[in-house]
Every structure is written in C-alpha cells, then in structure tokens.
Protein backbone atom coordinates (compact mmCIF):
# COMPACT_ATOMS: atom_id res chain seq x y z
CA MET A 1 -48.58 79.38 -49.09
CA ILE A 2 -45.67 77.46 -47.18
CA LYS A 3 -47.32 75.64 -44.18
CA LYS A 4 -45.72 74.71 -41.13
CA GLU A 5 -45.57 70.53 -40.75
CA GLN A 6 -46.48 69.78 -37.32
CA ASN A 7 -44.73 67.33 -35.58
CA LYS A 8 -42.47 66.56 -38.12
CA ILE A 9 -39.21 67.64 -36.61
CA PRO A 10 -36.02 67.00 -38.93
CA LYS A 11 -33.13 65.30 -37.21
CA ILE A 12 -29.29 64.95 -37.56
CA ALA A 13 -28.25 61.24 -37.35
CA PHE A 14 -24.77 62.48 -35.71
CA ASP A 15 -25.64 65.56 -33.35
CA PRO A 16 -22.21 67.13 -33.28
CA TYR A 17 -23.33 69.23 -29.80
CA ASP A 18 -24.15 65.98 -28.34
CA TYR A 19 -22.02 66.41 -25.23
CA LYS A 20 -21.74 64.31 -22.40
CA LYS A 21 -21.07 65.64 -18.67
CA GLN A 22 -19.29 64.36 -15.62
CA THR A 23 -18.20 65.62 -12.54
CA TYR A 24 -14.79 65.46 -11.05
CA LYS A 25 -13.74 66.76 -7.62
CA GLY A 26 -16.94 69.72 -8.21
CA VAL A 27 -15.05 70.27 -11.93
CA ASN A 28 -17.60 69.69 -14.74
CA ILE A 29 -16.39 68.15 -17.46
CA TYR A 30 -17.94 68.28 -21.01
CA THR A 31 -16.66 65.86 -23.82
CA ARG A 32 -17.88 65.23 -27.49
CA PRO A 33 -15.29 63.22 -29.41
CA LEU A 34 -15.85 63.84 -33.71
CA PRO A 35 -14.53 60.98 -35.33
CA TRP A 36 -13.13 63.31 -38.07
CA ALA A 37 -10.78 65.21 -35.68
CA ASN A 38 -6.83 64.58 -35.60
CA CYS A 39 -6.57 67.32 -32.56
CA THR A 40 -7.90 67.84 -29.18
CA PHE A 41 -9.76 71.30 -28.75
CA PHE A 42 -9.38 72.47 -25.03
CA LYS A 43 -11.25 74.71 -22.93
CA TRP A 44 -11.02 75.98 -19.33
CA VAL A 45 -13.54 78.51 -18.40
CA ILE A 46 -13.08 80.11 -14.79
CA ASN A 47 -16.34 81.47 -13.54
CA HIS A 48 -14.98 84.91 -13.00
CA GLY A 49 -15.71 87.42 -15.21
CA ALA A 50 -16.04 91.23 -15.47
CA GLN A 51 -19.11 91.04 -13.30
CA ASP A 52 -17.32 90.43 -10.62
CA ASP A 53 -14.54 92.85 -10.38
CA LYS A 54 -14.58 95.37 -7.01
CA VAL A 55 -16.37 98.89 -8.50
CA GLY A 56 -13.21 101.27 -9.15
CA ALA A 57 -11.42 98.53 -10.11
CA ASP A 58 -13.21 97.77 -13.33
CA GLY A 59 -11.23 95.27 -15.68
CA THR A 60 -9.47 93.64 -12.87
CA ALA A 61 -10.66 90.01 -14.33
CA HIS A 62 -9.55 91.15 -17.92
CA PHE A 63 -6.34 92.16 -16.32
CA LEU A 64 -5.69 89.31 -14.95
CA GLU A 65 -6.16 87.36 -18.11
CA HIS A 66 -3.47 89.55 -19.35
CA ILE A 67 -0.99 88.79 -16.58
CA VAL A 68 -0.84 85.27 -16.64
CA PHE A 69 1.06 85.01 -20.09
CA ASP A 70 3.90 87.10 -18.52
CA GLY A 71 5.22 84.31 -16.89
CA ASN A 72 4.79 81.58 -14.13
CA ASP A 73 6.82 79.17 -12.26
CA LEU A 74 7.44 76.75 -15.25
CA HIS A 75 7.62 79.09 -17.95
CA GLU A 76 10.09 82.46 -16.90
CA ASP A 77 8.35 85.12 -19.43
CA LYS A 78 5.85 85.92 -22.50
CA LYS A 79 9.09 84.11 -24.56
CA SER A 80 8.94 80.94 -22.98
CA ILE A 81 5.43 80.79 -22.87
CA ASP A 82 4.98 81.50 -26.67
CA LEU A 83 7.40 78.70 -27.27
CA PHE A 84 5.56 76.07 -25.15
CA SER A 85 2.53 77.27 -27.55
CA LYS A 86 4.17 76.19 -30.57
CA GLU A 87 5.74 73.11 -29.24
CA HIS A 88 3.14 71.64 -27.86
CA LEU A 89 -0.28 73.67 -28.46
CA LEU A 90 -0.07 73.71 -32.15
CA ASP A 91 0.42 77.92 -31.67
CA SER A 92 -3.15 78.12 -30.47
CA LEU A 93 -3.16 79.12 -27.06
CA ASN A 94 -5.47 82.30 -26.42
CA ALA A 95 -7.97 83.52 -23.44
CA HIS A 96 -11.21 85.78 -23.27
CA THR A 97 -12.78 87.38 -20.83
CA ARG A 98 -16.46 88.37 -20.82
CA PHE A 99 -18.73 89.47 -18.00
CA THR A 100 -19.35 86.26 -16.39
CA ASP A 101 -16.14 84.13 -16.98
CA THR A 102 -12.65 84.15 -18.05
CA CYS A 103 -11.69 81.07 -20.78
CA TYR A 104 -8.16 80.00 -21.58
CA VAL A 105 -8.16 77.93 -24.99
CA CYS A 106 -5.73 75.82 -26.79
CA LYS A 107 -5.47 72.86 -29.22
CA PHE A 108 -3.08 70.05 -29.10
CA LEU A 109 -2.00 66.03 -31.06
CA PRO A 110 -3.42 63.52 -28.27
CA GLN A 111 -0.02 62.46 -28.19
CA LYS A 112 1.02 65.91 -26.59
CA VAL A 113 -1.79 65.99 -23.83
CA ALA A 114 0.33 65.37 -20.85
CA PRO A 115 3.02 68.34 -21.50
CA ALA A 116 0.01 70.59 -22.97
CA LEU A 117 -2.14 69.92 -19.70
CA GLU A 118 0.81 70.82 -17.15
CA GLY A 119 1.96 73.80 -19.21
CA MET A 120 -1.98 75.14 -19.26
CA TYR A 121 -2.11 74.01 -15.79
CA HIS A 122 0.90 76.29 -14.55
CA ILE A 123 -0.24 79.09 -16.93
CA ILE A 124 -3.38 79.64 -15.72
CA PHE A 125 -2.92 78.68 -12.09
CA LYS A 126 0.73 79.65 -11.27
CA PRO A 127 1.30 83.28 -12.67
CA LEU A 128 4.29 85.51 -10.92
CA MET A 129 2.37 88.59 -11.44
CA ARG A 130 5.46 90.80 -10.98
CA GLU A 131 5.16 94.29 -10.64
CA ALA A 132 7.32 95.07 -14.22
CA ASP A 133 4.96 93.07 -16.30
CA ILE A 134 2.07 94.54 -14.59
CA GLU A 135 2.87 97.92 -15.81
CA HIS A 136 3.99 96.50 -18.79
CA GLU A 137 0.39 94.58 -19.24
CA ARG A 138 -0.85 98.63 -17.99
CA LYS A 139 0.28 100.07 -21.02
CA VAL A 140 -0.81 97.29 -23.58
CA ILE A 141 -4.20 97.54 -21.89
CA THR A 142 -4.60 100.84 -22.00
CA GLN A 143 -3.62 101.14 -25.95
CA GLU A 144 -6.58 98.20 -25.95
CA GLY A 145 -8.40 100.34 -24.52
CA TRP A 146 -8.65 103.43 -26.40
CA GLY A 147 -9.19 101.26 -29.82
CA TYR A 148 -13.09 100.92 -28.08
CA LEU A 149 -13.11 103.83 -26.00
CA LEU A 150 -12.02 106.47 -28.69
CA ASN A 151 -11.63 109.35 -26.14
CA GLU A 152 -13.06 110.79 -23.16
CA LYS A 153 -15.71 112.66 -24.76
CA TYR A 154 -17.14 109.24 -26.05
CA ILE A 155 -16.12 107.68 -22.41
CA ALA A 156 -18.63 110.01 -21.15
CA TYR A 157 -21.47 109.35 -23.81
CA LEU A 158 -20.98 105.71 -23.14
CA LYS A 159 -21.43 105.80 -19.32
CA LYS A 160 -24.74 108.17 -19.86
CA TRP A 161 -26.11 106.15 -22.22
CA SER A 162 -25.45 102.95 -19.89
CA LYS A 163 -26.93 104.44 -17.23
CA ASN A 164 -30.19 105.47 -18.77
CA LEU A 165 -30.67 101.91 -20.90
CA TYR A 166 -29.36 99.60 -17.92
CA SER A 167 -30.62 101.66 -14.69
CA ASP A 168 -31.57 98.39 -13.54
CA ILE A 169 -28.31 96.41 -14.15
CA PRO A 170 -25.69 96.57 -11.53
CA GLU A 171 -23.30 99.63 -12.13
CA LYS A 172 -20.09 97.51 -12.37
CA SER A 173 -21.96 95.41 -15.13
CA ARG A 174 -22.95 98.50 -17.20
CA MET A 175 -19.42 98.99 -18.14
CA PHE A 176 -18.86 98.92 -22.52
CA SER A 177 -16.81 95.91 -22.41
CA PRO A 178 -14.98 94.08 -19.58
CA LEU A 179 -11.93 95.82 -20.39
CA GLY A 180 -13.28 98.67 -17.80
CA TRP A 181 -12.61 102.02 -18.15
CA ILE A 182 -9.28 103.82 -18.67
CA GLU A 183 -9.14 105.46 -15.38
CA THR A 184 -10.18 102.23 -13.79
CA VAL A 185 -6.90 100.15 -15.47
CA ALA A 186 -4.90 102.79 -14.34
CA THR A 187 -5.70 102.10 -10.87
CA ILE A 188 -5.60 97.97 -10.38
CA SER A 189 -2.80 97.04 -8.32
CA LYS A 190 -1.16 93.61 -7.48
CA LYS A 191 -3.36 93.47 -4.30
CA ASP A 192 -6.64 93.55 -6.68
CA LEU A 193 -5.31 90.50 -9.20
CA ILE A 194 -3.90 88.33 -6.27
CA SER A 195 -7.77 88.96 -4.78
CA ALA A 196 -9.13 88.15 -8.19
CA HIS A 197 -6.84 85.09 -8.80
CA LYS A 198 -7.93 83.39 -5.64
CA ASN A 199 -11.51 82.86 -7.46
CA TYR A 200 -9.46 80.10 -9.66
CA THR A 201 -10.31 77.56 -8.17
CA LYS A 202 -11.71 73.89 -8.73
CA GLU A 203 -15.43 75.12 -7.72
CA ASN A 204 -15.34 77.91 -10.30
CA SER A 205 -13.93 75.60 -13.19
CA THR A 206 -15.51 74.24 -16.18
CA ILE A 207 -13.55 72.07 -18.64
CA ILE A 208 -14.70 71.52 -22.36
CA LEU A 209 -12.94 69.05 -24.60
CA ALA A 210 -14.09 68.34 -28.26
CA GLY A 211 -12.10 66.17 -31.15
CA VAL A 212 -10.06 63.32 -30.39
CA VAL A 213 -11.15 62.65 -26.74
CA ASN A 214 -10.61 59.51 -25.18
CA ASP A 215 -10.06 57.94 -21.54
CA SER A 216 -6.19 58.72 -21.64
CA ILE A 217 -7.13 62.02 -22.45
CA ILE A 218 -9.53 62.27 -19.48
CA LYS A 219 -7.42 60.55 -17.04
CA GLU A 220 -4.52 63.24 -18.22
CA VAL A 221 -7.27 66.23 -17.40
CA LYS A 222 -8.01 64.98 -13.77
CA LYS A 223 -4.53 64.70 -13.02
CA ILE A 224 -4.55 68.53 -13.47
CA ILE A 225 -7.41 68.97 -11.83
CA ASP A 226 -6.10 67.17 -8.53
CA LEU A 227 -3.80 69.98 -8.51
CA VAL A 228 -6.28 72.58 -8.78
CA PRO A 229 -7.00 74.83 -5.67
CA SER A 230 -9.97 74.56 -3.66
CA GLY A 231 -11.57 77.58 -2.57
CA LYS A 232 -14.86 79.62 -2.52
CA LYS A 233 -17.44 79.32 -5.19
CA ILE A 234 -18.29 82.48 -6.69
CA PRO A 235 -22.18 83.00 -6.00
CA PRO A 236 -24.40 83.08 -9.30
CA PHE A 237 -25.06 86.78 -10.53
CA LYS A 238 -28.07 88.98 -9.70
CA ILE A 239 -30.55 88.44 -12.34
CA PRO A 240 -33.02 91.60 -12.12
CA SER A 241 -36.83 90.49 -11.52
CA LYS A 242 -37.90 93.80 -12.76
CA ILE A 243 -36.16 95.92 -15.49
CA SER A 244 -37.81 99.60 -15.77
CA ILE A 245 -37.84 101.36 -18.98
CA PRO A 246 -35.42 103.93 -19.90
CA LYS A 247 -35.73 107.32 -18.34
CA GLU A 248 -35.26 109.12 -21.11
CA LYS A 249 -36.87 108.24 -24.23
CA ARG A 250 -35.27 109.39 -27.23
CA TRP A 251 -31.95 111.06 -27.91
CA VAL A 252 -30.72 112.94 -31.27
CA LYS A 253 -26.79 113.62 -31.22
CA THR A 254 -24.09 114.81 -33.66
CA TYR A 255 -21.11 112.05 -34.02
CA THR A 256 -19.01 115.58 -33.03
CA GLU A 257 -20.76 115.67 -29.81
CA ILE A 258 -20.15 112.13 -28.74
CA GLY A 259 -16.89 111.98 -29.68
CA ARG A 260 -17.03 109.54 -32.74
CA THR A 261 -15.86 110.76 -36.35
CA GLU A 262 -18.45 112.75 -38.90
CA ASN A 263 -20.61 110.63 -40.91
CA LYS A 264 -22.92 111.54 -43.65
CA GLN A 265 -24.90 108.33 -43.26
CA ALA A 266 -27.09 108.79 -39.91
CA LEU A 267 -27.38 105.79 -37.66
CA LEU A 268 -31.10 104.95 -36.23
CA GLU A 269 -31.42 102.71 -32.93
CA ILE A 270 -34.28 101.07 -31.19
CA ASP A 271 -33.51 99.75 -27.51
CA ARG A 272 -35.44 98.11 -24.69
CA LEU A 273 -34.32 95.59 -22.11
CA LEU A 274 -36.39 93.02 -20.56
CA GLU A 275 -36.53 90.34 -17.55
CA LEU A 276 -35.28 87.01 -18.62
CA THR A 277 -38.76 85.37 -17.74
CA LYS A 278 -40.66 87.58 -20.13
CA THR A 279 -40.27 84.80 -23.25
CA ASP A 280 -38.23 81.86 -24.99
CA GLU A 281 -35.23 82.35 -27.36
CA TYR A 282 -36.92 80.80 -29.67
CA THR A 283 -39.68 83.12 -29.76
CA LEU A 284 -37.11 85.91 -29.89
CA GLY A 285 -35.02 83.88 -32.80
CA LEU A 286 -38.48 83.98 -34.62
CA ILE A 287 -38.92 87.79 -34.21
CA GLU A 288 -35.44 88.74 -35.24
CA THR A 289 -35.35 86.50 -38.26
CA VAL A 290 -38.88 87.39 -39.69
CA LEU A 291 -38.31 91.15 -38.73
CA ARG A 292 -35.06 91.40 -40.36
CA GLU A 293 -36.01 90.00 -43.25
CA ILE A 294 -39.25 91.98 -43.96
CA LEU A 295 -37.10 95.24 -42.72
CA TYR A 296 -34.12 94.81 -45.16
CA ARG A 297 -36.73 94.13 -48.01
CA ARG A 298 -38.70 97.33 -47.33
CA LEU A 299 -36.17 99.33 -46.55
CA ARG A 300 -33.03 98.29 -48.85
CA HIS A 301 -35.33 96.69 -51.84
CA ASP A 302 -38.38 98.72 -52.25
CA ASN A 303 -36.78 102.26 -51.40
CA SER A 304 -32.74 101.39 -52.46
CA TRP A 305 -31.96 104.18 -49.87
CA CYS A 306 -31.09 101.87 -46.96
CA TYR A 307 -27.51 100.93 -46.12
CA GLY A 308 -27.85 98.11 -43.73
CA VAL A 309 -30.68 96.90 -40.96
CA GLY A 310 -30.40 94.68 -38.02
CA VAL A 311 -32.58 93.39 -35.61
CA ASN A 312 -31.24 91.47 -32.85
CA PHE A 313 -33.72 89.97 -30.07
CA PHE A 314 -31.88 87.43 -27.70
CA LYS A 315 -31.21 86.28 -23.87
CA ASN A 316 -28.01 87.50 -22.28
CA PRO A 317 -27.12 85.68 -19.15
CA LYS A 318 -29.18 88.76 -17.22
CA HIS A 319 -31.58 90.28 -19.63
CA ILE A 320 -33.33 89.84 -22.62
CA SER A 321 -31.98 92.26 -25.32
CA GLN A 322 -34.33 93.82 -27.84
CA ASN A 323 -32.45 96.44 -30.58
CA ILE A 324 -33.41 97.39 -33.95
CA TRP A 325 -30.70 99.66 -36.08
CA VAL A 326 -30.34 101.07 -39.72
CA LYS A 327 -27.99 102.92 -41.00
CA VAL A 328 -29.83 105.38 -43.74
CA ALA A 329 -29.41 109.04 -45.60
CA PRO A 330 -30.23 111.99 -42.97
CA GLU A 331 -32.84 112.77 -45.66
CA ASN A 332 -34.78 109.39 -44.99
CA LEU A 333 -34.20 108.74 -41.24
CA LYS A 334 -38.50 109.59 -40.69
CA ASP A 335 -39.47 107.33 -43.45
CA ALA A 336 -37.20 105.12 -42.00
CA GLU A 337 -38.62 104.91 -38.65
CA ASN A 338 -42.18 104.73 -39.90
CA ILE A 339 -41.65 101.72 -41.71
CA ILE A 340 -40.02 100.38 -39.09
CA TRP A 341 -43.17 100.87 -36.93
CA ASP A 342 -45.48 100.03 -39.53
CA THR A 343 -43.65 96.49 -39.75
CA ILE A 344 -43.95 95.98 -36.28
CA ASP A 345 -47.84 96.97 -36.40
CA ARG A 346 -47.86 94.44 -39.07
CA PHE A 347 -46.68 91.81 -37.68
CA ILE A 348 -48.61 91.88 -34.46
CA LYS A 349 -51.61 91.60 -36.71
CA GLY A 350 -50.69 88.92 -38.33
CA GLU A 351 -49.57 89.31 -41.86
CA TYR A 352 -46.49 88.11 -42.02
CA LYS A 353 -47.17 84.35 -41.05
CA GLU A 354 -46.24 83.13 -44.63
CA ASP A 355 -42.76 84.99 -44.13
CA CYS A 356 -42.40 83.23 -41.05
CA GLU A 357 -42.99 79.62 -42.52
CA ARG A 358 -40.42 80.23 -45.14
CA GLU A 359 -38.25 81.66 -42.96
CA ARG A 360 -38.61 78.60 -40.69
CA LYS A 361 -37.64 76.01 -43.73
CA ILE A 362 -34.75 78.00 -44.52
CA VAL A 363 -33.13 78.01 -41.32
CA ILE A 364 -33.82 74.22 -40.99
CA ASP A 365 -32.35 73.78 -44.49
CA ARG A 366 -29.62 75.49 -43.42
CA THR A 367 -29.03 73.79 -40.18
CA LEU A 368 -29.33 70.45 -41.91
CA ALA A 369 -27.01 71.73 -44.34
CA SER A 370 -24.34 72.58 -42.47
CA GLU A 371 -20.74 71.32 -42.11
CA PHE A 372 -19.06 72.16 -38.56
CA LEU A 373 -16.02 72.59 -37.52
CA SER A 374 -14.35 71.03 -34.43
CA GLY A 375 -13.43 74.41 -33.32
CA ASP A 376 -16.59 75.74 -33.41
CA ILE A 377 -18.18 73.38 -31.51
CA ALA A 378 -16.21 73.69 -29.07
CA GLU A 379 -16.46 77.49 -28.91
CA SER A 380 -20.41 77.27 -29.34
CA ALA A 381 -20.64 74.80 -26.22
CA GLU A 382 -18.52 77.41 -24.43
CA ARG A 383 -20.57 80.27 -25.02
CA GLN A 384 -23.53 78.41 -23.66
CA ILE A 385 -22.37 77.67 -20.16
CA ALA A 386 -20.59 81.08 -20.09
CA SER A 387 -24.50 81.79 -20.35
CA GLY A 388 -25.72 79.73 -17.86
CA LYS A 389 -27.25 76.91 -20.19
CA GLU A 390 -26.60 73.40 -20.49
CA ILE A 391 -24.82 72.87 -23.70
CA ARG A 392 -28.32 72.59 -26.97
CA THR A 393 -28.09 70.03 -29.55
CA ILE A 394 -28.47 70.53 -32.76
CA ASN A 395 -31.90 68.37 -32.42
CA GLU A 396 -32.89 70.30 -29.39
CA TYR A 397 -32.08 73.59 -31.60
CA LEU A 398 -34.07 72.21 -34.85
CA GLU A 399 -37.21 71.13 -32.40
CA GLY A 400 -37.65 74.82 -30.84
CA VAL A 401 -37.67 76.32 -34.75
CA VAL A 402 -40.32 73.74 -35.47
CA LYS A 403 -41.93 75.18 -32.33
CA ALA A 404 -41.52 78.63 -32.17
CA ASP A 405 -45.06 80.15 -32.71
CA TYR A 406 -45.60 83.12 -34.58
CA ASP A 407 -48.55 84.52 -32.55
CA LYS A 408 -46.29 84.18 -29.36
CA GLY A 409 -43.86 86.47 -31.19
CA ALA A 410 -46.69 88.80 -32.06
CA LYS A 411 -47.75 89.14 -28.57
CA HIS A 412 -44.56 89.34 -27.19
CA LEU A 413 -44.09 92.65 -29.84
CA SER A 414 -47.32 94.17 -28.51
CA LEU A 415 -46.74 93.98 -24.89
CA TYR A 416 -42.85 94.32 -24.99
CA PHE A 417 -42.14 96.72 -27.75
CA LYS A 418 -44.25 99.58 -27.63
CA LYS A 419 -43.02 103.07 -29.41
CA GLU A 420 -43.77 104.45 -25.46
CA ASP A 421 -41.48 102.11 -24.00
CA VAL A 422 -38.39 101.78 -26.10
CA PHE A 423 -34.96 103.72 -25.83
CA THR A 424 -34.67 105.60 -29.49
CA GLU A 425 -31.37 107.20 -30.46
CA ILE A 426 -30.04 109.25 -33.85
CA ASN A 427 -26.80 109.88 -34.66
CA ILE A 428 -26.30 112.56 -37.15
CA SER A 429 -23.61 114.89 -38.54
CA GLU A 430 -23.44 118.43 -37.66
CA GLU A 431 -24.84 119.66 -41.33
CA PHE A 432 -28.30 118.02 -40.02
CA LYS A 433 -28.06 119.30 -36.41
CA GLY A 434 -31.51 120.94 -35.48
CA LYS A 435 -33.03 119.47 -38.57
CA VAL A 436 -33.51 115.98 -37.35
CA LYS A 437 -36.45 115.55 -34.26
C-alpha cells in the first residue's frame, strides 16, 4: 500500500506563481518577473462581465469587447489596430469575456513598453463605437452565436435546462455563454454599450504582468493608469446562500428533440450544484481525480464499451459545480449508470483509499516535473483573479494536495451527491426513443 507521508510537503525552489501585489490609485498590479522570459505578458482585467448585463440586453459585455477593436481616437479602424498589434505587440492582441470580467491581453518586448501600453489604453478606454461598426459586429457576433447555440430548438432546450439546474442562480447568469442569446444580441444598442463602458474605470481594473518585469515597465504602467477614468466600483456578485436541488430529476431526450445532430452514442450526465461554503477546492479535486480514474478503469478497461468519461467537481465564482458524464452505446446505459453509483458508494465506504494515495503521488510528481511557460503563468493568474481568489502558488497547491483528506471527500459525497438529489440527463438517438428510461 502506498502511504501518505504526513508533514512532508514537497516544495519547488523557484515558484513561478509567487506574484507580488501592489496597489496604485486603486488598481491592483500583480507582477511576476521570470528570469527565462524575453518579453512581457500583459493582462488588463476589467471587473465587468456578462453577469453585469441588463436582463434583456444579455451579451452586452461581450459585444463591448468586440467593438473596442473597431477603432479609437488613436487607431482609426480595425486595420490600424491590427497593424499596431503587429508592430508593437508581437501580433498578440486579444480579449475574452467571462461572466465575471473582460480581459484584454498582449505581450511586448520591453523596449516597446511605452507605445504598447499607450495603444492598449486607447483601445480599451477610447473606442469610437460608431453605428456602422456596431452593426458590423452584430453580424459577426450573431454568426459566432449560432456556432454555440445551433438552432432555435436547442436554444429553447438550453433555457429550460438552465432554469431547472440553476434555479437559484440569477436569470442573467443562466446564459449558456457570456455571448448572450441571439435575440438579445439583436437588440443591444449603442446606448447599452456606452452605459457598460462606464464601468471601465480604475476602480474596476486589475493589471497582471509576467515575464520581463522591472521598475521601468511598472513606471510606464502607472503612467497609463493615471489616464484611466475613475468611477463607481461594481459591487461583488451575489453568491447564493442556498441552492435547491433540481425541480426535475431526470430527463431522457433524443438528440432530435433538443436540436442536436443524431448520434449513435448515448450521453449520460449527472449534475448537482452546491453552495460555495460546503467544502474546499482540494477535497473537490481529490474526489474528481479518484472518481475519474476508477470510473475510467471500470467503464473502459473492465467492460471495453465506454467511449469516454469525465468527472468535474470544482468551485465556480458563485457555486460548486459537480458533474459526471459518460458516452456509451445506448444498450449499455443502464449498466454504466449502475457502475457510477456503485463506484460512489464504494468511495463513501472507503474502498479507494489506496487508489487515492497512488493518484495523490502521481499529481505531486507531475506538478514537480512541470515546465511552465510564461504565458501560462500569466493566464492562470488571470483565471484565479477572475474567480475572486488570490493567485495560488505552486507550493500552496502542493500543500493542499498533500492535506486533502479522503474521509472528508467520502463525507462530502454522502451528503451532497445523493442519487435522489442530482439531475440526470440522457441523450439518445431517435431509434432508442421509448426504450430508455
């Protein structure tokens, strides 16, 4: 048996996630110099995302992210911005919108810090937002939306699905993605965009720098911060104090019924949302790692009929998400579902403690062997900040992995992943309609 070595927490000598934090005129600046880097990775996080969209104008934050790249008082149009990115940002200019924030990203050589940051400032804070550009982006975003939303039937299904599972989450946070809905994108106005852009202020800004970071670069960052307007700080998002179990517990739907392409394989998904206070992320990580390994072994290796299996137990900014899915031939659905619940029962009874210690050691070894890229270090820091957390160092992560307790994981499953409390969904092809319960 592999034993957990108590009080022997491995450490790495150079922790690439050991960011330093300073605050300048209300803006938090996170810096991590990396000795191997040749350029600076820069992220400007605006604490304004899809959760801040008005109901009925869902997708405004994402629309705004698009429109800032259509021209500003320094760069007349998209072509000029593209040229700026090539000349000063190593052709790296990009952005993305989440429910919690919008992030503008780039990288630049240290000798180009001044023009790089000046250009970024004008892009983010001085967009022209011309009517012609708005209509152009509306077409682009609509086409992007159909890539996710597929068709009207699937949109209706997604809304019903999210209302059932996310009944205690505010309606505007129940979008399938920060893009919003096709019908709301069609109605977003210039007035909506200008109103949203008023949240682009010092009080709602965070800056992340990784790679080549020195006093000269930080000085240039502060010069740009001086230009940013002040305004009202966006209040923290509301975290549900109670999340109810789904109203409907089981759906069996054909791919055709929900607007998806027919598929010979069946998809089984089991979901349960939970309040953030119920457990820590290391317990969730332990559950996820061990269950995924055991289920893959039992469904794929032992039976030779499982196409894929996933276990995702993690903390979102607002809630804990718990999901188990498996793709399998329809005739094996019942057996696969029984194996999932039998595996959870065995976990609760303590049968997988040896597997837990084996997986723990593998996770630690992989972490110690990892070679981190500068861009990944900046991106991971950004994701953690967007989730309302401080940036976690590798050594803090290793400490959590070592301390994650199996019995605590078993208790969590016994309390918060009961068969009678979850939402089980099965998608099958038309030929199996009525044959699967």
